[in-house]
Amino acid sequence: MGLGRRIRIKTDEEVELIRESSLLVGRTLAEAAALIKPGVTTLQLDTIAEEFIRDNGAEPGFKGYGGFPNTLCASLNEAVVHGIPNDRPLENGDLISLDCGVLKNGFYGDSAYTFEVGEVAPEIQKLLSVTKECLTLAIEQAVTGKRIGDIGAVVQTYAEENGFGVVRELVGHGLGRELHEAPEVPNYGRRGNGPRLVDGMVLAIEPMINLGTREVLTDEDGWTIVTKDKKVSAHFEHDIVVRKGKADILSSFVEIEKVINKTK
């Protein structure tokens, strides 16, 4: 990721600009969510996402980043992250993770949500529920005085208690004028370890949890990270700012879940 060593503390003004970008990501994912059903392709979702971002005066944060070709990372079933949108129609029972970034007013927003396509198996529903709860538990640790290891420890413990694998090769990160800033935010670790969390630190926290083992590998396209055992993976991501007592969540799933609840 090439993270700089210095952790950049954000001013209140900078936090509000990151919030604006982060909320736009949520609205973009909601636009895509409205189209998710069997027969739709991830390339169609990608086109809608890019148009919506540009219509709102922002730029896609991922397109061209490190050479990535698209606006959305669309990771299907055993793909964990960094899936490239394509022409394969979604099928009933698929699991599709959409990760999106925007750049507006010089600051990035970065958020992800994993969607069911039609009816998915009960074990997959449980994976989604546990992964989302991992994110909630992680955010509860993102307060002044705690450490990065406290975040990873709760994610790892809760996921593994439920029999799932925690991806280690990919991590959350700081966020601001750069898409990936220091510090790295692993989804595993030991309490009391790592950099101390201070007020004004902005983090993208993103549990990536596998139905099977934690092992992953890179697909032949050079981008997509897939589970080694080909079992499905889930991914949820919020942007937060560390505060005293309780983190402030800058991104939102509200618009996304309004769409999902209407279509169910």
C-alpha atoms as a PDB file:
ATOM      1  CA  MET A   1       0.000   0.000   0.000  1.00  0.00           C
ATOM      2  CA  GLY A   2       2.952   2.319   0.398  1.00  0.00           C
ATOM      3  CA  LEU A   3       1.553   4.014   3.475  1.00  0.00           C
ATOM      4  CA  GLY A   4       3.499   6.979   4.749  1.00  0.00           C
ATOM      5  CA  ARG A   5       4.819   6.496   8.246  1.00  0.00           C
ATOM      6  CA  ARG A   6       3.310   9.606   9.718  1.00  0.00           C
ATOM      7  CA  ILE A   7      -0.318   9.414  10.814  1.00  0.00           C
ATOM      8  CA  ARG A   8      -2.094  12.587   9.719  1.00  0.00           C
ATOM      9  CA  ILE A   9      -4.534  13.983  12.264  1.00  0.00           C
ATOM     10  CA  LYS A  10      -7.458  15.766  10.583  1.00  0.00           C
ATOM     11  CA  THR A  11      -8.936  19.139  11.492  1.00  0.00           C
ATOM     12  CA  ASP A  12     -12.702  19.411  11.985  1.00  0.00           C
ATOM     13  CA  GLU A  13     -12.964  21.076   8.560  1.00  0.00           C
ATOM     14  CA  GLU A  14     -11.104  18.210   6.909  1.00  0.00           C
ATOM     15  CA  VAL A  15     -13.289  15.663   8.711  1.00  0.00           C
ATOM     16  CA  GLU A  16     -16.411  17.311   7.274  1.00  0.00           C
ATOM     17  CA  LEU A  17     -14.985  17.124   3.733  1.00  0.00           C
ATOM     18  CA  ILE A  18     -14.177  13.439   4.238  1.00  0.00           C
ATOM     19  CA  ARG A  19     -17.720  12.957   5.562  1.00  0.00           C
ATOM     20  CA  GLU A  20     -19.134  14.536   2.396  1.00  0.00           C
ATOM     21  CA  SER A  21     -17.108  12.165   0.215  1.00  0.00           C
ATOM     22  CA  SER A  22     -17.962   9.169   2.404  1.00  0.00           C
ATOM     23  CA  LEU A  23     -21.695   9.873   2.340  1.00  0.00           C
ATOM     24  CA  LEU A  24     -21.539  10.171  -1.442  1.00  0.00           C
ATOM     25  CA  VAL A  25     -20.062   6.665  -1.558  1.00  0.00           C
ATOM     26  CA  GLY A  26     -23.063   5.367   0.389  1.00  0.00           C
ATOM     27  CA  ARG A  27     -25.493   7.078  -1.971  1.00  0.00           C
ATOM     28  CA  THR A  28     -23.578   5.663  -4.940  1.00  0.00           C
ATOM     29  CA  LEU A  29     -23.764   2.130  -3.544  1.00  0.00           C
ATOM     30  CA  ALA A  30     -27.507   2.657  -2.991  1.00  0.00           C
ATOM     31  CA  GLU A  31     -27.886   3.539  -6.690  1.00  0.00           C
ATOM     32  CA  ALA A  32     -26.151   0.271  -7.572  1.00  0.00           C
ATOM     33  CA  ALA A  33     -28.140  -1.677  -4.969  1.00  0.00           C
ATOM     34  CA  ALA A  34     -31.385  -0.699  -6.677  1.00  0.00           C
ATOM     35  CA  LEU A  35     -30.272  -2.634  -9.765  1.00  0.00           C
ATOM     36  CA  ILE A  36     -28.883  -5.772  -8.108  1.00  0.00           C
ATOM     37  CA  LYS A  37     -30.871  -8.817  -9.234  1.00  0.00           C
ATOM     38  CA  PRO A  38     -30.292 -11.947 -11.317  1.00  0.00           C
ATOM     39  CA  GLY A  39     -29.414 -11.070 -14.932  1.00  0.00           C
ATOM     40  CA  VAL A  40     -27.721  -7.734 -14.229  1.00  0.00           C
ATOM     41  CA  THR A  41     -23.971  -7.493 -14.832  1.00  0.00           C
ATOM     42  CA  THR A  42     -21.405  -5.861 -12.563  1.00  0.00           C
ATOM     43  CA  LEU A  43     -20.320  -3.748 -15.541  1.00  0.00           C
ATOM     44  CA  GLN A  44     -23.832  -2.250 -15.623  1.00  0.00           C
ATOM     45  CA  LEU A  45     -23.543  -1.465 -11.908  1.00  0.00           C
ATOM     46  CA  ASP A  46     -20.138   0.115 -12.547  1.00  0.00           C
ATOM     47  CA  THR A  47     -21.500   2.400 -15.274  1.00  0.00           C
ATOM     48  CA  ILE A  48     -24.323   3.636 -13.042  1.00  0.00           C
ATOM     49  CA  ALA A  49     -21.883   4.249 -10.167  1.00  0.00           C
ATOM     50  CA  GLU A  50     -19.481   6.299 -12.274  1.00  0.00           C
ATOM     51  CA  GLU A  51     -22.264   8.438 -13.750  1.00  0.00           C
ATOM     52  CA  PHE A  52     -23.735   9.111 -10.314  1.00  0.00           C
ATOM     53  CA  ILE A  53     -20.389  10.113  -8.813  1.00  0.00           C
ATOM     54  CA  ARG A  54     -19.602  12.496 -11.667  1.00  0.00           C
ATOM     55  CA  ASP A  55     -23.147  13.949 -11.596  1.00  0.00           C
ATOM     56  CA  ASN A  56     -22.480  14.835  -7.955  1.00  0.00           C
ATOM     57  CA  GLY A  57     -19.340  16.818  -8.729  1.00  0.00           C
ATOM     58  CA  ALA A  58     -16.854  14.148  -7.688  1.00  0.00           C
ATOM     59  CA  GLU A  59     -14.450  11.722  -9.335  1.00  0.00           C
ATOM     60  CA  PRO A  60     -14.325   7.938  -8.957  1.00  0.00           C
ATOM     61  CA  GLY A  61     -11.610   7.311  -6.367  1.00  0.00           C
ATOM     62  CA  PHE A  62     -10.604   3.878  -7.648  1.00  0.00           C
ATOM     63  CA  LYS A  63     -10.622   4.375 -11.437  1.00  0.00           C
ATOM     64  CA  GLY A  64      -7.001   4.573 -12.559  1.00  0.00           C
ATOM     65  CA  TYR A  65      -5.720   4.146  -8.982  1.00  0.00           C
ATOM     66  CA  GLY A  66      -2.651   1.959  -9.351  1.00  0.00           C
ATOM     67  CA  GLY A  67      -4.002   1.088 -12.783  1.00  0.00           C
ATOM     68  CA  PHE A  68      -7.394  -0.251 -11.602  1.00  0.00           C
ATOM     69  CA  PRO A  69      -9.726  -0.002 -14.620  1.00  0.00           C
ATOM     70  CA  ASN A  70     -13.121   0.688 -13.037  1.00  0.00           C
ATOM     71  CA  THR A  71     -15.158   2.747 -10.564  1.00  0.00           C
ATOM     72  CA  LEU A  72     -16.349  -0.182  -8.439  1.00  0.00           C
ATOM     73  CA  CYS A  73     -14.497  -3.141  -7.051  1.00  0.00           C
ATOM     74  CA  ALA A  74     -17.137  -5.831  -7.681  1.00  0.00           C
ATOM     75  CA  SER A  75     -16.143  -9.032  -5.900  1.00  0.00           C
ATOM     76  CA  LEU A  76     -18.356 -12.037  -6.564  1.00  0.00           C
ATOM     77  CA  ASN A  77     -18.709 -15.070  -4.279  1.00  0.00           C
ATOM     78  CA  GLU A  78     -15.180 -16.388  -3.585  1.00  0.00           C
ATOM     79  CA  ALA A  79     -13.665 -13.020  -4.589  1.00  0.00           C
ATOM     80  CA  VAL A  80     -12.724 -11.152  -1.415  1.00  0.00           C
ATOM     81  CA  VAL A  81     -11.870  -7.717  -2.830  1.00  0.00           C
ATOM     82  CA  HIS A  82     -10.601  -5.900  -5.940  1.00  0.00           C
ATOM     83  CA  GLY A  83     -12.876  -7.744  -8.375  1.00  0.00           C
ATOM     84  CA  ILE A  84     -13.031  -6.135 -11.826  1.00  0.00           C
ATOM     85  CA  PRO A  85     -16.580  -5.522 -13.129  1.00  0.00           C
ATOM     86  CA  ASN A  86     -17.471  -7.719 -16.116  1.00  0.00           C
ATOM     87  CA  ASP A  87     -20.287  -8.955 -18.366  1.00  0.00           C
ATOM     88  CA  ARG A  88     -21.183 -12.073 -16.367  1.00  0.00           C
ATOM     89  CA  PRO A  89     -24.868 -11.817 -15.340  1.00  0.00           C
ATOM     90  CA  LEU A  90     -25.528 -12.128 -11.618  1.00  0.00           C
ATOM     91  CA  GLU A  91     -27.327 -15.316 -10.609  1.00  0.00           C
ATOM     92  CA  ASN A  92     -29.755 -16.152  -7.819  1.00  0.00           C
ATOM     93  CA  GLY A  93     -27.756 -17.122  -4.720  1.00  0.00           C
ATOM     94  CA  ASP A  94     -24.683 -15.048  -5.607  1.00  0.00           C
ATOM     95  CA  LEU A  95     -22.941 -12.829  -3.093  1.00  0.00           C
ATOM     96  CA  ILE A  96     -21.589  -9.563  -4.483  1.00  0.00           C
ATOM     97  CA  SER A  97     -19.373  -7.148  -2.567  1.00  0.00           C
ATOM     98  CA  LEU A  98     -19.209  -3.614  -3.941  1.00  0.00           C
ATOM     99  CA  ASP A  99     -16.364  -1.401  -2.744  1.00  0.00           C
ATOM    100  CA  CYS A 100     -16.376   2.205  -3.917  1.00  0.00           C
ATOM    101  CA  GLY A 101     -14.239   5.291  -3.493  1.00  0.00           C
ATOM    102  CA  VAL A 102     -14.848   8.917  -4.400  1.00  0.00           C
ATOM    103  CA  LEU A 103     -12.614  11.962  -4.493  1.00  0.00           C
ATOM    104  CA  LYS A 104     -14.317  15.290  -3.833  1.00  0.00           C
ATOM    105  CA  ASN A 105     -12.891  18.612  -2.647  1.00  0.00           C
ATOM    106  CA  GLY A 106      -9.473  16.973  -2.357  1.00  0.00           C
ATOM    107  CA  PHE A 107     -10.569  14.235   0.064  1.00  0.00           C
ATOM    108  CA  TYR A 108     -11.449  10.571  -0.341  1.00  0.00           C
ATOM    109  CA  GLY A 109     -14.390   8.526   0.868  1.00  0.00           C
ATOM    110  CA  ASP A 110     -14.161   4.718   0.810  1.00  0.00           C
ATOM    111  CA  SER A 111     -16.904   2.285   1.800  1.00  0.00           C
ATOM    112  CA  ALA A 112     -18.061  -1.244   0.979  1.00  0.00           C
ATOM    113  CA  TYR A 113     -21.191  -3.363   1.327  1.00  0.00           C
ATOM    114  CA  THR A 114     -21.887  -6.999   0.489  1.00  0.00           C
ATOM    115  CA  PHE A 115     -25.223  -7.788  -1.174  1.00  0.00           C
ATOM    116  CA  GLU A 116     -27.312 -10.922  -1.561  1.00  0.00           C
ATOM    117  CA  VAL A 117     -28.528 -11.646  -5.093  1.00  0.00           C
ATOM    118  CA  GLY A 118     -31.980 -13.178  -4.754  1.00  0.00           C
ATOM    119  CA  GLU A 119     -32.026 -15.919  -2.113  1.00  0.00           C
ATOM    120  CA  VAL A 120     -28.715 -16.977  -0.576  1.00  0.00           C
ATOM    121  CA  ALA A 121     -27.980 -20.004   1.605  1.00  0.00           C
ATOM    122  CA  PRO A 122     -28.475 -19.692   5.400  1.00  0.00           C
ATOM    123  CA  GLU A 123     -24.730 -20.150   6.048  1.00  0.00           C
ATOM    124  CA  ILE A 124     -24.058 -17.172   3.768  1.00  0.00           C
ATOM    125  CA  GLN A 125     -26.659 -15.085   5.593  1.00  0.00           C
ATOM    126  CA  LYS A 126     -24.833 -15.908   8.818  1.00  0.00           C
ATOM    127  CA  LEU A 127     -21.498 -14.867   7.274  1.00  0.00           C
ATOM    128  CA  LEU A 128     -23.005 -11.505   6.293  1.00  0.00           C
ATOM    129  CA  SER A 129     -24.457 -10.973   9.743  1.00  0.00           C
ATOM    130  CA  VAL A 130     -21.196 -11.841  11.516  1.00  0.00           C
ATOM    131  CA  THR A 131     -19.059  -9.700   9.185  1.00  0.00           C
ATOM    132  CA  LYS A 132     -21.323  -6.709   9.715  1.00  0.00           C
ATOM    133  CA  GLU A 133     -21.225  -7.250  13.476  1.00  0.00           C
ATOM    134  CA  CYS A 134     -17.416  -7.420  13.261  1.00  0.00           C
ATOM    135  CA  LEU A 135     -17.498  -3.927  11.761  1.00  0.00           C
ATOM    136  CA  THR A 136     -19.746  -2.655  14.554  1.00  0.00           C
ATOM    137  CA  LEU A 137     -17.490  -4.159  17.233  1.00  0.00           C
ATOM    138  CA  ALA A 138     -14.393  -2.712  15.541  1.00  0.00           C
ATOM    139  CA  ILE A 139     -15.872   0.789  15.448  1.00  0.00           C
ATOM    140  CA  GLU A 140     -16.665   0.541  19.179  1.00  0.00           C
ATOM    141  CA  GLN A 141     -12.899   0.159  19.776  1.00  0.00           C
ATOM    142  CA  ALA A 142     -11.977   3.181  17.636  1.00  0.00           C
ATOM    143  CA  VAL A 143     -11.820   5.679  20.486  1.00  0.00           C
ATOM    144  CA  THR A 144      -9.136   7.946  21.898  1.00  0.00           C
ATOM    145  CA  GLY A 145      -6.609   6.047  24.016  1.00  0.00           C
ATOM    146  CA  LYS A 146      -7.177   2.592  22.530  1.00  0.00           C
ATOM    147  CA  ARG A 147      -4.733   0.997  20.086  1.00  0.00           C
ATOM    148  CA  ILE A 148      -4.952  -0.341  16.544  1.00  0.00           C
ATOM    149  CA  GLY A 149      -4.561  -3.876  17.922  1.00  0.00           C
ATOM    150  CA  ASP A 150      -7.771  -3.459  19.929  1.00  0.00           C
ATOM    151  CA  ILE A 151      -9.710  -3.049  16.672  1.00  0.00           C
ATOM    152  CA  GLY A 152      -8.195  -6.125  15.030  1.00  0.00           C
ATOM    153  CA  ALA A 153      -8.540  -8.260  18.149  1.00  0.00           C
ATOM    154  CA  VAL A 154     -12.332  -7.883  18.419  1.00  0.00           C
ATOM    155  CA  VAL A 155     -12.825  -8.619  14.711  1.00  0.00           C
ATOM    156  CA  GLN A 156     -10.631 -11.712  14.819  1.00  0.00           C
ATOM    157  CA  THR A 157     -12.181 -13.049  18.024  1.00  0.00           C
ATOM    158  CA  TYR A 158     -15.802 -12.624  16.924  1.00  0.00           C
ATOM    159  CA  ALA A 159     -15.247 -14.022  13.406  1.00  0.00           C
ATOM    160  CA  GLU A 160     -13.245 -17.023  14.579  1.00  0.00           C
ATOM    161  CA  GLU A 161     -15.709 -17.783  17.382  1.00  0.00           C
ATOM    162  CA  ASN A 162     -18.302 -18.150  14.635  1.00  0.00           C
ATOM    163  CA  GLY A 163     -16.070 -20.494  12.639  1.00  0.00           C
ATOM    164  CA  PHE A 164     -15.038 -18.073   9.908  1.00  0.00           C
ATOM    165  CA  GLY A 165     -11.627 -17.140   8.475  1.00  0.00           C
ATOM    166  CA  VAL A 166     -10.163 -13.639   8.871  1.00  0.00           C
ATOM    167  CA  VAL A 167      -8.191 -12.400   5.861  1.00  0.00           C
ATOM    168  CA  ARG A 168      -4.746 -11.129   6.896  1.00  0.00           C
ATOM    169  CA  GLU A 169      -3.169 -10.039   3.621  1.00  0.00           C
ATOM    170  CA  LEU A 170      -5.535  -7.063   3.268  1.00  0.00           C
ATOM    171  CA  VAL A 171      -6.195  -4.412   5.873  1.00  0.00           C
ATOM    172  CA  GLY A 172      -8.058  -1.207   6.602  1.00  0.00           C
ATOM    173  CA  HIS A 173      -6.177   2.078   6.520  1.00  0.00           C
ATOM    174  CA  GLY A 174      -6.012   5.759   7.257  1.00  0.00           C
ATOM    175  CA  LEU A 175      -7.939   8.004   4.871  1.00  0.00           C
ATOM    176  CA  GLY A 176      -7.817  11.632   3.807  1.00  0.00           C
ATOM    177  CA  ARG A 177      -6.103  13.419   0.918  1.00  0.00           C
ATOM    178  CA  GLU A 178      -4.739   9.986   0.000  1.00  0.00           C
ATOM    179  CA  LEU A 179      -6.887   6.888  -0.434  1.00  0.00           C
ATOM    180  CA  HIS A 180      -4.474   4.832   1.654  1.00  0.00           C
ATOM    181  CA  GLU A 181      -2.737   6.612   4.513  1.00  0.00           C
ATOM    182  CA  ALA A 182      -1.089   5.415   7.694  1.00  0.00           C
ATOM    183  CA  PRO A 183      -1.877   3.555   9.861  1.00  0.00           C
ATOM    184  CA  GLU A 184      -2.755   0.113   8.554  1.00  0.00           C
ATOM    185  CA  VAL A 185      -5.814  -1.317  10.359  1.00  0.00           C
ATOM    186  CA  PRO A 186      -5.624  -5.136  10.372  1.00  0.00           C
ATOM    187  CA  ASN A 187      -8.664  -7.302  11.141  1.00  0.00           C
ATOM    188  CA  TYR A 188      -6.595  -9.459  13.485  1.00  0.00           C
ATOM    189  CA  GLY A 189      -4.182  -8.690  16.295  1.00  0.00           C
ATOM    190  CA  ARG A 190      -3.659  -8.399  20.013  1.00  0.00           C
ATOM    191  CA  ARG A 191      -5.233  -5.958  22.404  1.00  0.00           C
ATOM    192  CA  GLY A 192      -2.902  -3.195  23.538  1.00  0.00           C
ATOM    193  CA  ASN A 193      -0.649  -3.482  20.477  1.00  0.00           C
ATOM    194  CA  GLY A 194       0.006  -1.041  17.672  1.00  0.00           C
ATOM    195  CA  PRO A 195      -0.260   2.736  17.326  1.00  0.00           C
ATOM    196  CA  ARG A 196      -2.318   4.588  19.921  1.00  0.00           C
ATOM    197  CA  LEU A 197      -5.579   6.068  18.639  1.00  0.00           C
ATOM    198  CA  VAL A 198      -5.867   9.834  18.980  1.00  0.00           C
ATOM    199  CA  ASP A 199      -8.693  12.310  18.421  1.00  0.00           C
ATOM    200  CA  GLY A 200      -8.980  13.327  14.765  1.00  0.00           C
ATOM    201  CA  MET A 201      -7.498  10.158  13.285  1.00  0.00           C
ATOM    202  CA  VAL A 202      -9.606   9.053  10.275  1.00  0.00           C
ATOM    203  CA  LEU A 203      -9.719   5.314   9.541  1.00  0.00           C
ATOM    204  CA  ALA A 204     -11.346   3.099   6.947  1.00  0.00           C
ATOM    205  CA  ILE A 205     -12.248  -0.039   8.916  1.00  0.00           C
ATOM    206  CA  GLU A 206     -13.094  -3.006   6.701  1.00  0.00           C
ATOM    207  CA  PRO A 207     -13.487  -6.586   7.951  1.00  0.00           C
ATOM    208  CA  MET A 208     -13.006  -9.174   5.181  1.00  0.00           C
ATOM    209  CA  ILE A 209     -14.303 -12.491   6.484  1.00  0.00           C
ATOM    210  CA  ASN A 210     -14.339 -15.866   4.714  1.00  0.00           C
ATOM    211  CA  LEU A 211     -16.870 -18.657   5.042  1.00  0.00           C
ATOM    212  CA  GLY A 212     -13.966 -21.114   5.030  1.00  0.00           C
ATOM    213  CA  THR A 213     -10.291 -20.687   5.861  1.00  0.00           C
ATOM    214  CA  ARG A 214      -8.422 -17.361   5.902  1.00  0.00           C
ATOM    215  CA  GLU A 215      -6.113 -18.277   2.985  1.00  0.00           C
ATOM    216  CA  VAL A 216      -6.373 -16.146  -0.151  1.00  0.00           C
ATOM    217  CA  LEU A 217      -4.540 -15.800  -3.455  1.00  0.00           C
ATOM    218  CA  THR A 218      -4.453 -13.392  -6.379  1.00  0.00           C
ATOM    219  CA  ASP A 219      -6.480 -14.346  -9.452  1.00  0.00           C
ATOM    220  CA  GLU A 220      -4.859 -14.487 -12.898  1.00  0.00           C
ATOM    221  CA  ASP A 221      -6.245 -11.012 -13.716  1.00  0.00           C
ATOM    222  CA  GLY A 222      -3.638  -9.634 -11.289  1.00  0.00           C
ATOM    223  CA  TRP A 223      -6.242  -7.771  -9.224  1.00  0.00           C
ATOM    224  CA  THR A 224      -8.951 -10.001  -7.787  1.00  0.00           C
ATOM    225  CA  ILE A 225      -8.158 -11.551  -4.416  1.00  0.00           C
ATOM    226  CA  VAL A 226      -9.975 -14.892  -4.043  1.00  0.00           C
ATOM    227  CA  THR A 227     -10.330 -17.452  -1.285  1.00  0.00           C
ATOM    228  CA  LYS A 228      -8.018 -20.409  -1.723  1.00  0.00           C
ATOM    229  CA  ASP A 229     -10.792 -22.888  -0.878  1.00  0.00           C
ATOM    230  CA  LYS A 230     -13.263 -21.127  -3.263  1.00  0.00           C
ATOM    231  CA  LYS A 231     -15.759 -20.503  -0.455  1.00  0.00           C
ATOM    232  CA  VAL A 232     -17.516 -17.150  -0.369  1.00  0.00           C
ATOM    233  CA  SER A 233     -16.245 -14.041   1.402  1.00  0.00           C
ATOM    234  CA  ALA A 234     -17.982 -10.931   2.804  1.00  0.00           C
ATOM    235  CA  HIS A 235     -16.725  -7.365   3.176  1.00  0.00           C
ATOM    236  CA  PHE A 236     -18.184  -4.301   4.916  1.00  0.00           C
ATOM    237  CA  GLU A 237     -16.380  -0.979   5.304  1.00  0.00           C
ATOM    238  CA  HIS A 238     -17.040   2.302   7.101  1.00  0.00           C
ATOM    239  CA  ASP A 239     -14.980   5.488   7.382  1.00  0.00           C
ATOM    240  CA  ILE A 240     -14.753   6.791  10.945  1.00  0.00           C
ATOM    241  CA  VAL A 241     -12.992   9.506  12.899  1.00  0.00           C
ATOM    242  CA  VAL A 242     -11.566   8.592  16.281  1.00  0.00           C
ATOM    243  CA  ARG A 243     -13.151  10.612  19.091  1.00  0.00           C
ATOM    244  CA  LYS A 244     -13.217  10.472  22.871  1.00  0.00           C
ATOM    245  CA  GLY A 245     -15.745   7.940  24.140  1.00  0.00           C
ATOM    246  CA  LYS A 246     -17.307   7.064  20.770  1.00  0.00           C
ATOM    247  CA  ALA A 247     -16.139   7.095  17.159  1.00  0.00           C
ATOM    248  CA  ASP A 248     -17.971   9.296  14.657  1.00  0.00           C
ATOM    249  CA  ILE A 249     -19.018   7.242  11.611  1.00  0.00           C
ATOM    250  CA  LEU A 250     -18.520   9.347   8.468  1.00  0.00           C
ATOM    251  CA  SER A 251     -19.976   6.944   5.897  1.00  0.00           C
ATOM    252  CA  SER A 252     -23.505   5.504   5.950  1.00  0.00           C
ATOM    253  CA  PHE A 253     -25.398   2.331   5.057  1.00  0.00           C
ATOM    254  CA  VAL A 254     -28.798   3.996   5.587  1.00  0.00           C
ATOM    255  CA  GLU A 255     -29.523   4.750   1.914  1.00  0.00           C
ATOM    256  CA  ILE A 256     -28.287   1.304   0.859  1.00  0.00           C
ATOM    257  CA  GLU A 257     -30.488  -0.497   3.372  1.00  0.00           C
ATOM    258  CA  LYS A 258     -33.549   1.540   2.430  1.00  0.00           C
ATOM    259  CA  VAL A 259     -33.139   0.158  -1.091  1.00  0.00           C
ATOM    260  CA  ILE A 260     -32.503  -3.414   0.092  1.00  0.00           C
ATOM    261  CA  ASN A 261     -35.514  -3.419   2.395  1.00  0.00           C
ATOM    262  CA  LYS A 262     -37.774  -2.172  -0.400  1.00  0.00           C
ATOM    263  CA  THR A 263     -36.653  -4.882  -2.809  1.00  0.00           C
ATOM    264  CA  LYS A 264     -37.001  -7.776  -0.329  1.00  0.00           C
END
